């Protein structure tokens, strides 16, 4: 009898925690969107980076430049 009450209480608290956690994530995403930041659902950068700029900085391990054309 008491075991069911304990299990029900744990499930209720876990559900409330999930709702509050989801609301917090939603608020963070909305704040980031309002600030003009680009993040995915995990809070990480989407990778909206200038690829050509980064590719120019990367060199082979031997230090020799290779032509892509």
C-alpha atoms as a PDB file:
ATOM      1  CA  UNK A   1       0.000   0.000   0.000  1.00  0.00           C
ATOM      2  CA  UNK A   2       2.695   2.493   1.011  1.00  0.00           C
ATOM      3  CA  UNK A   3       4.954   1.382  -1.828  1.00  0.00           C
ATOM      4  CA  UNK A   4       2.420   2.573  -4.402  1.00  0.00           C
ATOM      5  CA  UNK A   5       2.196   5.957  -2.694  1.00  0.00           C
ATOM      6  CA  UNK A   6       5.958   6.330  -2.758  1.00  0.00           C
ATOM      7  CA  UNK A   7       6.170   5.307  -6.420  1.00  0.00           C
ATOM      8  CA  UNK A   8       3.351   7.703  -7.301  1.00  0.00           C
ATOM      9  CA  UNK A   9       5.043  10.536  -5.428  1.00  0.00           C
ATOM     10  CA  UNK A  10       8.343   9.905  -7.196  1.00  0.00           C
ATOM     11  CA  UNK A  11       6.627   9.856 -10.586  1.00  0.00           C
ATOM     12  CA  UNK A  12       4.772  13.079  -9.776  1.00  0.00           C
ATOM     13  CA  UNK A  13       7.954  14.882  -8.726  1.00  0.00           C
ATOM     14  CA  UNK A  14       9.833  13.558 -11.782  1.00  0.00           C
ATOM     15  CA  UNK A  15       7.066  14.784 -14.072  1.00  0.00           C
ATOM     16  CA  UNK A  16       7.062  18.230 -12.471  1.00  0.00           C
ATOM     17  CA  UNK A  17      10.848  18.395 -12.788  1.00  0.00           C
ATOM     18  CA  UNK A  18      10.631  17.519 -16.501  1.00  0.00           C
ATOM     19  CA  UNK A  19       8.031  20.219 -17.120  1.00  0.00           C
ATOM     20  CA  UNK A  20      10.082  22.870 -15.333  1.00  0.00           C
ATOM     21  CA  UNK A  21      13.289  21.769 -17.063  1.00  0.00           C
ATOM     22  CA  UNK A  22      11.612  21.939 -20.483  1.00  0.00           C
ATOM     23  CA  UNK A  23      10.199  25.383 -19.722  1.00  0.00           C
ATOM     24  CA  UNK A  24      13.657  26.574 -18.694  1.00  0.00           C
ATOM     25  CA  UNK A  25      15.175  25.334 -21.962  1.00  0.00           C
ATOM     26  CA  UNK A  26      12.389  26.983 -23.932  1.00  0.00           C
ATOM     27  CA  UNK A  27      12.972  30.306 -22.159  1.00  0.00           C
ATOM     28  CA  UNK A  28      16.724  30.103 -22.870  1.00  0.00           C
ATOM     29  CA  UNK A  29      16.070  29.414 -26.552  1.00  0.00           C
ATOM     30  CA  UNK A  30      13.676  32.343 -26.813  1.00  0.00           C
ATOM     31  CA  UNK A  31      16.173  34.647 -25.088  1.00  0.00           C
ATOM     32  CA  UNK A  32      18.930  33.495 -27.445  1.00  0.00           C
ATOM     33  CA  UNK A  33      16.683  34.055 -30.472  1.00  0.00           C
ATOM     34  CA  UNK A  34      15.824  37.542 -29.245  1.00  0.00           C
ATOM     35  CA  UNK A  35      19.540  38.285 -28.840  1.00  0.00           C
ATOM     36  CA  UNK A  36      20.229  37.034 -32.384  1.00  0.00           C
ATOM     37  CA  UNK A  37      22.306  34.032 -31.341  1.00  0.00           C
ATOM     38  CA  UNK A  38      22.151  30.784 -33.284  1.00  0.00           C
ATOM     39  CA  UNK A  39      22.056  27.737 -31.032  1.00  0.00           C
ATOM     40  CA  UNK A  40      20.528  24.313 -31.330  1.00  0.00           C
ATOM     41  CA  UNK A  41      18.383  22.608 -28.705  1.00  0.00           C
ATOM     42  CA  UNK A  42      21.427  21.616 -26.691  1.00  0.00           C
ATOM     43  CA  UNK A  43      22.703  25.150 -26.424  1.00  0.00           C
ATOM     44  CA  UNK A  44      25.621  24.520 -28.746  1.00  0.00           C
ATOM     45  CA  UNK A  45      26.567  26.599 -31.770  1.00  0.00           C
ATOM     46  CA  UNK A  46      24.867  25.464 -34.981  1.00  0.00           C
ATOM     47  CA  UNK A  47      28.069  25.732 -36.925  1.00  0.00           C
ATOM     48  CA  UNK A  48      27.060  28.856 -38.819  1.00  0.00           C
ATOM     49  CA  UNK A  49      30.714  29.665 -39.359  1.00  0.00           C
ATOM     50  CA  UNK A  50      32.563  31.050 -42.327  1.00  0.00           C
ATOM     51  CA  UNK A  51      33.897  27.741 -43.662  1.00  0.00           C
ATOM     52  CA  UNK A  52      36.277  29.292 -46.187  1.00  0.00           C
ATOM     53  CA  UNK A  53      37.894  31.404 -43.480  1.00  0.00           C
ATOM     54  CA  UNK A  54      38.489  28.341 -41.309  1.00  0.00           C
ATOM     55  CA  UNK A  55      39.637  26.190 -44.231  1.00  0.00           C
ATOM     56  CA  UNK A  56      42.331  28.738 -45.099  1.00  0.00           C
ATOM     57  CA  UNK A  57      43.768  28.435 -41.584  1.00  0.00           C
ATOM     58  CA  UNK A  58      44.050  24.639 -41.745  1.00  0.00           C
ATOM     59  CA  UNK A  59      47.282  23.238 -43.115  1.00  0.00           C
ATOM     60  CA  UNK A  60      48.413  19.655 -43.637  1.00  0.00           C
ATOM     61  CA  UNK A  61      50.549  18.081 -40.905  1.00  0.00           C
ATOM     62  CA  UNK A  62      53.694  18.334 -43.102  1.00  0.00           C
ATOM     63  CA  UNK A  63      53.212  22.085 -43.493  1.00  0.00           C
ATOM     64  CA  UNK A  64      52.917  21.839 -47.260  1.00  0.00           C
ATOM     65  CA  UNK A  65      50.040  23.738 -48.844  1.00  0.00           C
ATOM     66  CA  UNK A  66      47.907  21.741 -51.256  1.00  0.00           C
ATOM     67  CA  UNK A  67      45.802  23.242 -54.016  1.00  0.00           C
ATOM     68  CA  UNK A  68      42.159  22.225 -54.120  1.00  0.00           C
ATOM     69  CA  UNK A  69      41.741  23.238 -57.762  1.00  0.00           C
END
